[in-house]
Amino acid sequence: MNNDKSHQRVGAISNAHAGKYFENEIFEYFKNSEFLLENNYILSLGISSKKNHRFDLGNESTIIECKSHKWTESDKIPYGKLQAWN
């Protein structure tokens, strides 16, 4: 078991770098499928008072929020991450 307390993804400079790499891979996937998306797509959300929210990728009909999670080193389900998936 890794005793490193930084909680950084093994083999990555940082969790932010790992997430950005995954986001870029998704962007390229959709780009190659001719599905046009914008990076950092901003959408105004709310009912009585609206706020802008930045999504990783999007267009007028689709928004995408990228999450890059991995199984634990012992190949077990990361239960703490399952809540984020819901």
N, C-alpha and C. Protein backbone atom coordinates (compact mmCIF):
# COMPACT_ATOMS: atom_id res chain seq x y z
N MET A 1 0.85 -1.18 0.00
CA MET A 1 0.00 0.00 0.00
C MET A 1 0.88 1.23 0.00
N ASN A 2 0.46 2.24 -0.73
CA ASN A 2 1.21 3.48 -0.82
C ASN A 2 0.96 4.32 0.42
N ASN A 3 2.01 4.66 1.16
CA ASN A 3 1.87 5.46 2.36
C ASN A 3 1.97 6.96 2.09
N ASP A 4 2.06 7.33 0.81
CA ASP A 4 2.15 8.74 0.45
C ASP A 4 0.83 9.42 0.81
N LYS A 5 0.89 10.49 1.59
CA LYS A 5 -0.31 11.18 2.06
C LYS A 5 -0.79 12.27 1.11
N SER A 6 -0.13 12.43 -0.04
CA SER A 6 -0.52 13.51 -0.95
C SER A 6 -1.77 13.17 -1.75
N HIS A 7 -2.13 11.89 -1.82
CA HIS A 7 -3.31 11.44 -2.56
C HIS A 7 -3.23 11.79 -4.05
N GLN A 8 -2.01 11.90 -4.56
CA GLN A 8 -1.84 12.15 -5.98
C GLN A 8 -1.93 10.84 -6.74
N ARG A 9 -2.40 10.91 -7.95
CA ARG A 9 -2.49 9.72 -8.80
C ARG A 9 -1.08 9.25 -9.12
N VAL A 10 -0.86 7.96 -8.95
CA VAL A 10 0.45 7.38 -9.22
C VAL A 10 0.79 7.60 -10.69
N GLY A 11 1.98 8.13 -10.95
CA GLY A 11 2.45 8.35 -12.30
C GLY A 11 2.04 9.69 -12.89
N ALA A 12 1.29 10.50 -12.16
CA ALA A 12 0.86 11.81 -12.65
C ALA A 12 1.56 12.91 -11.86
N ILE A 13 1.77 14.03 -12.51
CA ILE A 13 2.36 15.19 -11.83
C ILE A 13 1.44 15.65 -10.70
N SER A 14 0.14 15.68 -10.99
CA SER A 14 -0.86 16.07 -10.00
C SER A 14 -2.21 15.52 -10.44
N ASN A 15 -3.18 15.54 -9.56
CA ASN A 15 -4.53 15.12 -9.92
C ASN A 15 -5.12 16.06 -10.97
N ALA A 16 -4.78 17.35 -10.89
CA ALA A 16 -5.27 18.31 -11.88
C ALA A 16 -4.73 17.96 -13.27
N HIS A 17 -3.46 17.58 -13.34
CA HIS A 17 -2.88 17.18 -14.63
C HIS A 17 -3.56 15.93 -15.17
N ALA A 18 -3.82 14.97 -14.31
CA ALA A 18 -4.50 13.74 -14.73
C ALA A 18 -5.90 14.06 -15.24
N GLY A 19 -6.61 14.93 -14.56
CA GLY A 19 -7.96 15.31 -14.98
C GLY A 19 -7.96 16.07 -16.29
N LYS A 20 -7.00 16.99 -16.46
CA LYS A 20 -6.91 17.77 -17.70
C LYS A 20 -6.55 16.86 -18.87
N TYR A 21 -5.67 15.90 -18.64
CA TYR A 21 -5.31 14.94 -19.68
C TYR A 21 -6.55 14.17 -20.14
N PHE A 22 -7.35 13.70 -19.17
CA PHE A 22 -8.57 12.96 -19.49
C PHE A 22 -9.55 13.86 -20.26
N GLU A 23 -9.71 15.10 -19.82
CA GLU A 23 -10.61 16.04 -20.48
C GLU A 23 -10.17 16.26 -21.94
N ASN A 24 -8.87 16.40 -22.16
CA ASN A 24 -8.36 16.58 -23.52
C ASN A 24 -8.61 15.36 -24.39
N GLU A 25 -8.49 14.16 -23.79
CA GLU A 25 -8.77 12.93 -24.53
C GLU A 25 -10.24 12.88 -24.96
N ILE A 26 -11.14 13.27 -24.08
CA ILE A 26 -12.57 13.29 -24.41
C ILE A 26 -12.85 14.31 -25.50
N PHE A 27 -12.24 15.49 -25.39
CA PHE A 27 -12.41 16.53 -26.40
C PHE A 27 -11.97 16.01 -27.77
N GLU A 28 -10.81 15.37 -27.83
CA GLU A 28 -10.30 14.84 -29.09
C GLU A 28 -11.20 13.73 -29.65
N TYR A 29 -11.74 12.91 -28.77
CA TYR A 29 -12.64 11.85 -29.21
C TYR A 29 -13.85 12.44 -29.93
N PHE A 30 -14.47 13.44 -29.32
CA PHE A 30 -15.65 14.04 -29.93
C PHE A 30 -15.27 14.87 -31.16
N LYS A 31 -14.10 15.50 -31.13
CA LYS A 31 -13.64 16.26 -32.28
C LYS A 31 -13.49 15.36 -33.50
N ASN A 32 -12.94 14.18 -33.30
CA ASN A 32 -12.76 13.22 -34.38
C ASN A 32 -14.09 12.63 -34.86
N SER A 33 -15.14 12.74 -34.05
CA SER A 33 -16.44 12.23 -34.46
C SER A 33 -17.29 13.37 -35.06
N GLU A 34 -16.69 14.52 -35.28
CA GLU A 34 -17.34 15.70 -35.86
C GLU A 34 -18.46 16.26 -34.97
N PHE A 35 -18.42 15.95 -33.69
CA PHE A 35 -19.36 16.50 -32.72
C PHE A 35 -18.67 17.72 -32.11
N LEU A 36 -19.08 18.91 -32.48
CA LEU A 36 -18.37 20.12 -32.11
C LEU A 36 -18.66 20.54 -30.67
N LEU A 37 -17.62 20.61 -29.87
CA LEU A 37 -17.72 21.02 -28.47
C LEU A 37 -16.75 22.16 -28.21
N GLU A 38 -17.05 22.96 -27.22
CA GLU A 38 -16.15 24.01 -26.77
C GLU A 38 -15.57 23.62 -25.42
N ASN A 39 -14.30 23.95 -25.20
CA ASN A 39 -13.70 23.80 -23.88
C ASN A 39 -14.24 24.89 -22.97
N ASN A 40 -14.37 24.60 -21.68
CA ASN A 40 -14.81 25.60 -20.69
C ASN A 40 -16.12 26.26 -21.11
N TYR A 41 -17.10 25.45 -21.44
CA TYR A 41 -18.39 25.95 -21.90
C TYR A 41 -19.16 26.55 -20.72
N ILE A 42 -19.60 27.79 -20.87
CA ILE A 42 -20.30 28.49 -19.79
C ILE A 42 -21.79 28.51 -20.09
N LEU A 43 -22.56 28.11 -19.08
CA LEU A 43 -24.01 28.06 -19.19
C LEU A 43 -24.61 28.76 -17.98
N SER A 44 -25.60 29.61 -18.22
CA SER A 44 -26.27 30.31 -17.13
C SER A 44 -27.35 29.40 -16.56
N LEU A 45 -27.27 29.09 -15.25
CA LEU A 45 -28.19 28.17 -14.60
C LEU A 45 -28.93 28.86 -13.47
N GLY A 46 -30.17 28.45 -13.24
CA GLY A 46 -30.94 28.96 -12.13
C GLY A 46 -32.34 29.33 -12.56
N ILE A 47 -33.21 29.56 -11.57
CA ILE A 47 -34.60 29.90 -11.88
C ILE A 47 -34.83 31.38 -11.59
N SER A 48 -34.81 31.77 -10.33
CA SER A 48 -35.07 33.17 -9.99
C SER A 48 -33.80 34.02 -10.11
N SER A 49 -32.67 33.45 -9.78
CA SER A 49 -31.41 34.17 -9.98
C SER A 49 -30.45 33.22 -10.68
N LYS A 50 -29.92 33.67 -11.76
CA LYS A 50 -29.06 32.82 -12.58
C LYS A 50 -27.59 33.07 -12.25
N LYS A 51 -26.82 31.99 -12.34
CA LYS A 51 -25.37 32.06 -12.15
C LYS A 51 -24.72 31.32 -13.30
N ASN A 52 -23.59 31.81 -13.71
CA ASN A 52 -22.84 31.10 -14.74
C ASN A 52 -22.11 29.92 -14.13
N HIS A 53 -22.16 28.79 -14.83
CA HIS A 53 -21.42 27.61 -14.41
C HIS A 53 -20.57 27.15 -15.59
N ARG A 54 -19.32 26.84 -15.30
CA ARG A 54 -18.40 26.39 -16.34
C ARG A 54 -18.39 24.87 -16.38
N PHE A 55 -18.71 24.32 -17.54
CA PHE A 55 -18.62 22.88 -17.76
C PHE A 55 -17.35 22.59 -18.55
N ASP A 56 -16.82 21.40 -18.38
CA ASP A 56 -15.57 21.06 -19.06
C ASP A 56 -15.70 21.19 -20.57
N LEU A 57 -16.79 20.66 -21.12
CA LEU A 57 -17.03 20.71 -22.55
C LEU A 57 -18.51 20.95 -22.79
N GLY A 58 -18.86 21.54 -23.91
CA GLY A 58 -20.27 21.70 -24.20
C GLY A 58 -20.53 22.43 -25.50
N ASN A 59 -21.82 22.48 -25.83
CA ASN A 59 -22.33 23.27 -26.94
C ASN A 59 -23.78 23.62 -26.60
N GLU A 60 -24.54 24.11 -27.55
CA GLU A 60 -25.91 24.54 -27.26
C GLU A 60 -26.83 23.40 -26.85
N SER A 61 -26.49 22.17 -27.21
CA SER A 61 -27.39 21.05 -26.90
C SER A 61 -26.82 20.03 -25.92
N THR A 62 -25.53 20.14 -25.60
CA THR A 62 -24.88 19.11 -24.77
C THR A 62 -23.88 19.75 -23.83
N ILE A 63 -23.87 19.28 -22.57
CA ILE A 63 -22.83 19.69 -21.62
C ILE A 63 -22.16 18.43 -21.09
N ILE A 64 -20.86 18.52 -20.88
CA ILE A 64 -20.08 17.38 -20.40
C ILE A 64 -19.19 17.83 -19.25
N GLU A 65 -19.26 17.10 -18.17
CA GLU A 65 -18.39 17.30 -17.01
C GLU A 65 -17.52 16.05 -16.91
N CYS A 66 -16.22 16.19 -17.06
CA CYS A 66 -15.31 15.04 -17.09
C CYS A 66 -14.83 14.70 -15.68
N LYS A 67 -14.86 13.42 -15.36
CA LYS A 67 -14.34 12.93 -14.09
C LYS A 67 -13.42 11.75 -14.39
N SER A 68 -12.23 11.81 -13.88
CA SER A 68 -11.25 10.75 -14.12
C SER A 68 -10.95 10.05 -12.80
N HIS A 69 -11.52 8.87 -12.61
CA HIS A 69 -11.30 8.10 -11.38
C HIS A 69 -10.66 6.77 -11.75
N LYS A 70 -9.90 6.23 -10.84
CA LYS A 70 -9.26 4.93 -11.05
C LYS A 70 -9.59 4.01 -9.88
N TRP A 71 -9.49 2.71 -10.13
CA TRP A 71 -9.62 1.74 -9.04
C TRP A 71 -8.46 1.93 -8.08
N THR A 72 -8.61 1.45 -6.88
CA THR A 72 -7.54 1.56 -5.89
C THR A 72 -6.36 0.69 -6.31
N GLU A 73 -5.22 0.89 -5.68
CA GLU A 73 -4.02 0.11 -6.00
C GLU A 73 -4.26 -1.38 -5.82
N SER A 74 -5.12 -1.74 -4.88
CA SER A 74 -5.42 -3.16 -4.65
C SER A 74 -6.57 -3.63 -5.55
N ASP A 75 -6.92 -2.83 -6.55
CA ASP A 75 -7.93 -3.17 -7.55
C ASP A 75 -9.34 -3.27 -6.96
N LYS A 76 -9.59 -2.49 -5.90
CA LYS A 76 -10.92 -2.47 -5.30
C LYS A 76 -11.69 -1.23 -5.76
N ILE A 77 -13.00 -1.29 -5.65
CA ILE A 77 -13.84 -0.17 -6.04
C ILE A 77 -13.60 1.01 -5.09
N PRO A 78 -13.38 2.22 -5.63
CA PRO A 78 -13.19 3.40 -4.76
C PRO A 78 -14.53 3.93 -4.27
N TYR A 79 -15.07 3.32 -3.21
CA TYR A 79 -16.42 3.63 -2.75
C TYR A 79 -16.64 5.12 -2.49
N GLY A 80 -15.62 5.82 -2.01
CA GLY A 80 -15.76 7.25 -1.77
C GLY A 80 -16.07 8.01 -3.05
N LYS A 81 -15.58 7.51 -4.18
CA LYS A 81 -15.82 8.16 -5.47
C LYS A 81 -17.21 7.84 -6.01
N LEU A 82 -17.80 6.74 -5.59
CA LEU A 82 -19.12 6.37 -6.10
C LEU A 82 -20.16 7.45 -5.79
N GLN A 83 -20.00 8.13 -4.66
CA GLN A 83 -20.94 9.20 -4.32
C GLN A 83 -20.85 10.33 -5.34
N ALA A 84 -19.64 10.62 -5.83
CA ALA A 84 -19.46 11.67 -6.84
C ALA A 84 -20.13 11.27 -8.15
N TRP A 85 -20.16 9.98 -8.44
CA TRP A 85 -20.76 9.52 -9.69
C TRP A 85 -22.27 9.67 -9.67
N ASN A 86 -22.87 9.59 -8.49
CA ASN A 86 -24.32 9.75 -8.40
C ASN A 86 -24.70 11.20 -8.62
